[in-house]
Amino acid sequence: MRLSTILDILFPAACAGCGGADGVLCPACLPSGRAIQRFQLDALHVAALGPYDGSLRRAILAFKRGRRDVGAVLADMLARYLTSALPAHSVLVPVPTTAARRAERGFDQAVLLAREAGRLSGLGVLDILRQTAGDAQRGRSRLARLGARGRFRCSAGKLVAEVRVVLIDDVATTGATLRDCSAVLTAAGARVAGALVVARTP
């Protein structure tokens, strides 16, 4: 038996949503199909597993602070939606965080979500978006977020031509980031089928 398995048995992880002892995310804190929010950002179709509040907000914050086990559970929820709503030939493209955030956390949460969701759903993953500016959206006013443009580039050039892609991110606030990424991928020749995020802010 692996050491990590033994440790999980002896010291089970507390629920990231409520702090209880019923798993990484207990049944009461898991997003349900009834909570899925579908909305439009111009021509971009977006779906969120739930609103960014309560137990889901706490789970996302725990993931960003290093709880990769929480990220795995959230990715599983994304994969279930993907396999039920998308054709098998779709490709997932994570929305990258800034280099500073990646260095601070030791990982990029959207990349981890996309890779695990891709593995579970059987969909391909293209980690081809890069930040061209180091300014994170967190802490900016709503007006500044909406006005943000040109913060991403596609590192694959024209290699994504005609590929049907779905953007993956943890949280959608104003939608400016998703719009920006969608425009970059479209300019590179991809067909952006939509975006899927864990949560949407009110």
C-alpha atoms as a PDB file:
ATOM      1  CA  MET A   1       0.000   0.000   0.000  1.00  0.00           C
ATOM      2  CA  ARG A   2       1.326   3.452  -0.951  1.00  0.00           C
ATOM      3  CA  LEU A   3       2.331   5.843   1.825  1.00  0.00           C
ATOM      4  CA  SER A   4      -0.087   8.484   0.499  1.00  0.00           C
ATOM      5  CA  THR A   5      -2.951   5.969   0.746  1.00  0.00           C
ATOM      6  CA  ILE A   6      -2.008   5.085   4.327  1.00  0.00           C
ATOM      7  CA  LEU A   7      -1.852   8.765   5.266  1.00  0.00           C
ATOM      8  CA  ASP A   8      -5.262   9.367   3.675  1.00  0.00           C
ATOM      9  CA  ILE A   9      -6.715   6.569   5.812  1.00  0.00           C
ATOM     10  CA  LEU A  10      -5.072   7.759   9.031  1.00  0.00           C
ATOM     11  CA  PHE A  11      -5.582  11.474   8.416  1.00  0.00           C
ATOM     12  CA  PRO A  12      -8.504  11.961   6.032  1.00  0.00           C
ATOM     13  CA  ALA A  13      -8.653  15.361   4.349  1.00  0.00           C
ATOM     14  CA  ALA A  14     -11.298  17.721   5.659  1.00  0.00           C
ATOM     15  CA  CYS A  15     -13.977  18.905   3.260  1.00  0.00           C
ATOM     16  CA  ALA A  16     -12.736  22.122   1.648  1.00  0.00           C
ATOM     17  CA  GLY A  17     -16.282  23.460   1.562  1.00  0.00           C
ATOM     18  CA  CYS A  18     -17.466  22.995   5.129  1.00  0.00           C
ATOM     19  CA  GLY A  19     -14.559  21.503   7.062  1.00  0.00           C
ATOM     20  CA  GLY A  20     -16.392  18.252   7.711  1.00  0.00           C
ATOM     21  CA  ALA A  21     -14.889  14.778   7.600  1.00  0.00           C
ATOM     22  CA  ASP A  22     -16.854  13.384   4.650  1.00  0.00           C
ATOM     23  CA  GLY A  23     -14.177  13.707   1.976  1.00  0.00           C
ATOM     24  CA  VAL A  24     -12.311  16.333  -0.012  1.00  0.00           C
ATOM     25  CA  LEU A  25     -15.674  17.846  -0.982  1.00  0.00           C
ATOM     26  CA  CYS A  26     -18.595  16.267   0.852  1.00  0.00           C
ATOM     27  CA  PRO A  27     -21.846  15.479  -0.995  1.00  0.00           C
ATOM     28  CA  ALA A  28     -23.494  18.610   0.401  1.00  0.00           C
ATOM     29  CA  CYS A  29     -20.694  20.855  -0.918  1.00  0.00           C
ATOM     30  CA  LEU A  30     -20.292  19.290  -4.367  1.00  0.00           C
ATOM     31  CA  PRO A  31     -21.752  21.346  -7.228  1.00  0.00           C
ATOM     32  CA  SER A  32     -24.906  19.760  -8.581  1.00  0.00           C
ATOM     33  CA  GLY A  33     -26.300  19.682 -12.085  1.00  0.00           C
ATOM     34  CA  ARG A  34     -29.087  21.986 -10.904  1.00  0.00           C
ATOM     35  CA  ALA A  35     -26.544  24.702 -10.055  1.00  0.00           C
ATOM     36  CA  ILE A  36     -25.022  24.910 -13.546  1.00  0.00           C
ATOM     37  CA  GLN A  37     -25.235  28.423 -14.962  1.00  0.00           C
ATOM     38  CA  ARG A  38     -25.170  28.985 -18.720  1.00  0.00           C
ATOM     39  CA  PHE A  39     -24.611  32.468 -20.099  1.00  0.00           C
ATOM     40  CA  GLN A  40     -23.364  34.383 -23.126  1.00  0.00           C
ATOM     41  CA  LEU A  41     -20.338  36.654 -23.510  1.00  0.00           C
ATOM     42  CA  ASP A  42     -21.081  38.171 -26.891  1.00  0.00           C
ATOM     43  CA  ALA A  43     -20.942  35.087 -29.166  1.00  0.00           C
ATOM     44  CA  LEU A  44     -19.129  32.933 -26.595  1.00  0.00           C
ATOM     45  CA  HIS A  45     -21.224  30.275 -24.828  1.00  0.00           C
ATOM     46  CA  VAL A  46     -20.107  29.782 -21.218  1.00  0.00           C
ATOM     47  CA  ALA A  47     -21.141  27.292 -18.543  1.00  0.00           C
ATOM     48  CA  ALA A  48     -20.260  27.452 -14.829  1.00  0.00           C
ATOM     49  CA  LEU A  49     -20.712  24.611 -12.353  1.00  0.00           C
ATOM     50  CA  GLY A  50     -22.172  27.072  -9.872  1.00  0.00           C
ATOM     51  CA  PRO A  51     -22.003  30.562  -8.374  1.00  0.00           C
ATOM     52  CA  TYR A  52     -18.790  31.783  -6.749  1.00  0.00           C
ATOM     53  CA  ASP A  53     -20.037  31.802  -3.197  1.00  0.00           C
ATOM     54  CA  GLY A  54     -20.447  29.568  -0.173  1.00  0.00           C
ATOM     55  CA  SER A  55     -18.820  26.143  -0.226  1.00  0.00           C
ATOM     56  CA  LEU A  56     -17.800  26.348  -3.891  1.00  0.00           C
ATOM     57  CA  ARG A  57     -15.916  29.608  -3.282  1.00  0.00           C
ATOM     58  CA  ARG A  58     -14.150  28.078  -0.282  1.00  0.00           C
ATOM     59  CA  ALA A  59     -13.244  25.011  -2.335  1.00  0.00           C
ATOM     60  CA  ILE A  60     -11.723  27.120  -5.134  1.00  0.00           C
ATOM     61  CA  LEU A  61      -9.725  29.187  -2.638  1.00  0.00           C
ATOM     62  CA  ALA A  62      -8.454  25.987  -0.974  1.00  0.00           C
ATOM     63  CA  PHE A  63      -7.381  24.703  -4.393  1.00  0.00           C
ATOM     64  CA  LYS A  64      -5.517  27.928  -5.169  1.00  0.00           C
ATOM     65  CA  ARG A  65      -3.778  27.676  -1.792  1.00  0.00           C
ATOM     66  CA  GLY A  66      -2.418  24.234  -2.582  1.00  0.00           C
ATOM     67  CA  ARG A  67      -5.218  21.689  -2.071  1.00  0.00           C
ATOM     68  CA  ARG A  68      -4.623  19.775  -5.311  1.00  0.00           C
ATOM     69  CA  ASP A  69      -6.980  17.062  -4.105  1.00  0.00           C
ATOM     70  CA  VAL A  70      -9.749  19.665  -4.279  1.00  0.00           C
ATOM     71  CA  GLY A  71      -8.662  20.546  -7.803  1.00  0.00           C
ATOM     72  CA  ALA A  72      -8.946  16.880  -8.792  1.00  0.00           C
ATOM     73  CA  VAL A  73     -12.544  16.749  -7.537  1.00  0.00           C
ATOM     74  CA  LEU A  74     -13.457  19.965  -9.350  1.00  0.00           C
ATOM     75  CA  ALA A  75     -11.834  18.628 -12.534  1.00  0.00           C
ATOM     76  CA  ASP A  76     -13.943  15.488 -12.219  1.00  0.00           C
ATOM     77  CA  MET A  77     -17.056  17.659 -12.103  1.00  0.00           C
ATOM     78  CA  LEU A  78     -15.874  19.527 -15.203  1.00  0.00           C
ATOM     79  CA  ALA A  79     -15.191  16.234 -16.990  1.00  0.00           C
ATOM     80  CA  ARG A  80     -18.711  14.982 -16.296  1.00  0.00           C
ATOM     81  CA  TYR A  81     -20.158  18.079 -17.907  1.00  0.00           C
ATOM     82  CA  LEU A  82     -17.741  17.866 -20.829  1.00  0.00           C
ATOM     83  CA  THR A  83     -18.547  14.271 -21.668  1.00  0.00           C
ATOM     84  CA  SER A  84     -22.274  14.957 -21.598  1.00  0.00           C
ATOM     85  CA  ALA A  85     -22.275  18.259 -23.495  1.00  0.00           C
ATOM     86  CA  LEU A  86     -19.391  18.196 -25.990  1.00  0.00           C
ATOM     87  CA  PRO A  87     -18.394  16.065 -28.974  1.00  0.00           C
ATOM     88  CA  ALA A  88     -15.445  13.730 -28.429  1.00  0.00           C
ATOM     89  CA  HIS A  89     -13.123  15.645 -30.777  1.00  0.00           C
ATOM     90  CA  SER A  90     -13.136  18.890 -28.774  1.00  0.00           C
ATOM     91  CA  VAL A  91      -9.839  20.135 -27.314  1.00  0.00           C
ATOM     92  CA  LEU A  92      -9.491  21.890 -23.956  1.00  0.00           C
ATOM     93  CA  VAL A  93      -7.425  25.090 -23.695  1.00  0.00           C
ATOM     94  CA  PRO A  94      -6.678  26.382 -20.177  1.00  0.00           C
ATOM     95  CA  VAL A  95      -6.697  30.112 -19.453  1.00  0.00           C
ATOM     96  CA  PRO A  96      -3.233  30.784 -17.976  1.00  0.00           C
ATOM     97  CA  THR A  97      -2.588  32.726 -14.804  1.00  0.00           C
ATOM     98  CA  THR A  98       0.265  35.208 -14.492  1.00  0.00           C
ATOM     99  CA  ALA A  99       3.851  34.048 -13.967  1.00  0.00           C
ATOM    100  CA  ALA A 100       3.815  35.694 -10.529  1.00  0.00           C
ATOM    101  CA  ARG A 101       0.735  33.742  -9.428  1.00  0.00           C
ATOM    102  CA  ARG A 102       2.180  30.525 -10.851  1.00  0.00           C
ATOM    103  CA  ALA A 103       5.426  31.050  -8.939  1.00  0.00           C
ATOM    104  CA  GLU A 104       3.518  31.896  -5.756  1.00  0.00           C
ATOM    105  CA  ARG A 105       1.305  28.787  -5.912  1.00  0.00           C
ATOM    106  CA  GLY A 106       3.725  26.394  -7.572  1.00  0.00           C
ATOM    107  CA  PHE A 107       1.161  25.531 -10.252  1.00  0.00           C
ATOM    108  CA  ASP A 108      -1.367  27.014 -12.650  1.00  0.00           C
ATOM    109  CA  GLN A 109      -4.841  26.070 -11.460  1.00  0.00           C
ATOM    110  CA  ALA A 110      -6.513  26.254 -14.878  1.00  0.00           C
ATOM    111  CA  VAL A 111      -3.821  24.065 -16.451  1.00  0.00           C
ATOM    112  CA  LEU A 112      -4.259  21.429 -13.733  1.00  0.00           C
ATOM    113  CA  LEU A 113      -8.042  21.529 -14.139  1.00  0.00           C
ATOM    114  CA  ALA A 114      -7.816  21.151 -17.917  1.00  0.00           C
ATOM    115  CA  ARG A 115      -5.280  18.322 -17.822  1.00  0.00           C
ATOM    116  CA  GLU A 116      -7.211  16.296 -15.268  1.00  0.00           C
ATOM    117  CA  ALA A 117     -10.578  16.981 -16.917  1.00  0.00           C
ATOM    118  CA  GLY A 118      -9.040  16.016 -20.254  1.00  0.00           C
ATOM    119  CA  ARG A 119      -7.669  12.778 -18.831  1.00  0.00           C
ATOM    120  CA  LEU A 120     -11.010  11.855 -17.292  1.00  0.00           C
ATOM    121  CA  SER A 121     -13.105  12.822 -20.306  1.00  0.00           C
ATOM    122  CA  GLY A 122     -10.756  11.573 -23.008  1.00  0.00           C
ATOM    123  CA  LEU A 123     -10.508  15.047 -24.563  1.00  0.00           C
ATOM    124  CA  GLY A 124      -7.215  16.507 -25.743  1.00  0.00           C
ATOM    125  CA  VAL A 125      -5.574  19.467 -24.028  1.00  0.00           C
ATOM    126  CA  LEU A 126      -3.589  22.273 -25.683  1.00  0.00           C
ATOM    127  CA  ASP A 127      -1.704  24.498 -23.237  1.00  0.00           C
ATOM    128  CA  ILE A 128      -1.048  27.175 -25.868  1.00  0.00           C
ATOM    129  CA  LEU A 129      -2.145  30.479 -24.337  1.00  0.00           C
ATOM    130  CA  ARG A 130       0.458  32.726 -22.741  1.00  0.00           C
ATOM    131  CA  GLN A 131       0.113  35.965 -20.795  1.00  0.00           C
ATOM    132  CA  THR A 132       1.790  38.898 -22.512  1.00  0.00           C
ATOM    133  CA  ALA A 133       1.231  41.251 -19.568  1.00  0.00           C
ATOM    134  CA  GLY A 134       1.883  40.522 -15.932  1.00  0.00           C
ATOM    135  CA  ASP A 135      -1.149  42.301 -14.510  1.00  0.00           C
ATOM    136  CA  ALA A 136      -3.547  39.915 -12.817  1.00  0.00           C
ATOM    137  CA  GLN A 137      -7.245  40.708 -12.838  1.00  0.00           C
ATOM    138  CA  ARG A 138      -7.655  40.168  -9.108  1.00  0.00           C
ATOM    139  CA  GLY A 139      -7.904  43.460  -7.239  1.00  0.00           C
ATOM    140  CA  ARG A 140      -8.802  45.515 -10.304  1.00  0.00           C
ATOM    141  CA  SER A 141     -12.041  47.447 -10.571  1.00  0.00           C
ATOM    142  CA  ARG A 142     -14.859  46.095 -12.704  1.00  0.00           C
ATOM    143  CA  LEU A 143     -14.270  48.866 -15.250  1.00  0.00           C
ATOM    144  CA  ALA A 144     -10.544  48.031 -15.451  1.00  0.00           C
ATOM    145  CA  ARG A 145     -11.319  44.327 -15.879  1.00  0.00           C
ATOM    146  CA  LEU A 146     -13.753  45.014 -18.707  1.00  0.00           C
ATOM    147  CA  GLY A 147     -11.266  47.275 -20.427  1.00  0.00           C
ATOM    148  CA  ALA A 148      -8.418  44.749 -20.335  1.00  0.00           C
ATOM    149  CA  ARG A 149      -7.380  43.704 -23.839  1.00  0.00           C
ATOM    150  CA  GLY A 150      -4.398  42.094 -25.533  1.00  0.00           C
ATOM    151  CA  ARG A 151      -3.125  40.254 -22.454  1.00  0.00           C
ATOM    152  CA  PHE A 152      -2.707  36.881 -24.187  1.00  0.00           C
ATOM    153  CA  ARG A 153      -1.044  35.332 -27.201  1.00  0.00           C
ATOM    154  CA  CYS A 154      -1.261  31.908 -28.825  1.00  0.00           C
ATOM    155  CA  SER A 155       2.098  30.114 -28.736  1.00  0.00           C
ATOM    156  CA  ALA A 156       1.007  27.599 -31.396  1.00  0.00           C
ATOM    157  CA  GLY A 157       0.778  30.058 -34.274  1.00  0.00           C
ATOM    158  CA  LYS A 158      -1.546  28.543 -36.864  1.00  0.00           C
ATOM    159  CA  LEU A 159      -1.286  24.987 -35.516  1.00  0.00           C
ATOM    160  CA  VAL A 160      -4.752  25.271 -33.987  1.00  0.00           C
ATOM    161  CA  ALA A 161      -6.409  26.078 -37.327  1.00  0.00           C
ATOM    162  CA  GLU A 162      -9.893  24.520 -37.514  1.00  0.00           C
ATOM    163  CA  VAL A 163      -9.483  22.881 -34.096  1.00  0.00           C
ATOM    164  CA  ARG A 164     -12.683  23.025 -32.020  1.00  0.00           C
ATOM    165  CA  VAL A 165     -11.570  24.356 -28.624  1.00  0.00           C
ATOM    166  CA  VAL A 166     -13.200  24.890 -25.242  1.00  0.00           C
ATOM    167  CA  LEU A 167     -11.666  27.340 -22.780  1.00  0.00           C
ATOM    168  CA  ILE A 168     -11.195  26.127 -19.197  1.00  0.00           C
ATOM    169  CA  ASP A 169     -10.822  28.412 -16.167  1.00  0.00           C
ATOM    170  CA  ASP A 170     -11.613  28.413 -12.475  1.00  0.00           C
ATOM    171  CA  VAL A 171     -13.667  31.617 -12.103  1.00  0.00           C
ATOM    172  CA  ALA A 172     -15.424  33.977 -14.527  1.00  0.00           C
ATOM    173  CA  THR A 173     -16.012  37.499 -13.220  1.00  0.00           C
ATOM    174  CA  THR A 174     -16.673  40.073 -15.917  1.00  0.00           C
ATOM    175  CA  GLY A 175     -15.790  37.683 -18.745  1.00  0.00           C
ATOM    176  CA  ALA A 176     -13.064  39.990 -20.088  1.00  0.00           C
ATOM    177  CA  THR A 177     -10.396  37.290 -19.805  1.00  0.00           C
ATOM    178  CA  LEU A 178     -12.511  34.692 -21.608  1.00  0.00           C
ATOM    179  CA  ARG A 179     -13.346  37.189 -24.354  1.00  0.00           C
ATOM    180  CA  ASP A 180      -9.668  38.060 -24.774  1.00  0.00           C
ATOM    181  CA  CYS A 181      -8.603  34.410 -24.969  1.00  0.00           C
ATOM    182  CA  SER A 182     -11.406  33.574 -27.379  1.00  0.00           C
ATOM    183  CA  ALA A 183     -10.357  36.417 -29.693  1.00  0.00           C
ATOM    184  CA  VAL A 184      -6.724  35.266 -29.694  1.00  0.00           C
ATOM    185  CA  LEU A 185      -7.638  31.652 -30.507  1.00  0.00           C
ATOM    186  CA  THR A 186     -10.077  32.728 -33.216  1.00  0.00           C
ATOM    187  CA  ALA A 187      -7.365  34.882 -34.791  1.00  0.00           C
ATOM    188  CA  ALA A 188      -5.110  31.794 -34.788  1.00  0.00           C
ATOM    189  CA  GLY A 189      -7.731  29.897 -36.783  1.00  0.00           C
ATOM    190  CA  ALA A 190      -9.407  27.876 -34.044  1.00  0.00           C
ATOM    191  CA  ARG A 191     -13.149  27.429 -33.689  1.00  0.00           C
ATOM    192  CA  VAL A 192     -13.986  28.408 -30.103  1.00  0.00           C
ATOM    193  CA  ALA A 193     -16.926  26.213 -29.152  1.00  0.00           C
ATOM    194  CA  GLY A 194     -17.372  27.792 -25.724  1.00  0.00           C
ATOM    195  CA  ALA A 195     -15.918  28.029 -22.238  1.00  0.00           C
ATOM    196  CA  LEU A 196     -16.367  26.031 -19.058  1.00  0.00           C
ATOM    197  CA  VAL A 197     -15.508  27.415 -15.620  1.00  0.00           C
ATOM    198  CA  VAL A 198     -15.912  26.115 -12.105  1.00  0.00           C
ATOM    199  CA  ALA A 199     -17.747  29.178 -10.837  1.00  0.00           C
ATOM    200  CA  ARG A 200     -19.196  32.509 -11.895  1.00  0.00           C
ATOM    201  CA  THR A 201     -19.165  35.560  -9.667  1.00  0.00           C
ATOM    202  CA  PRO A 202     -22.545  37.229  -9.080  1.00  0.00           C
END
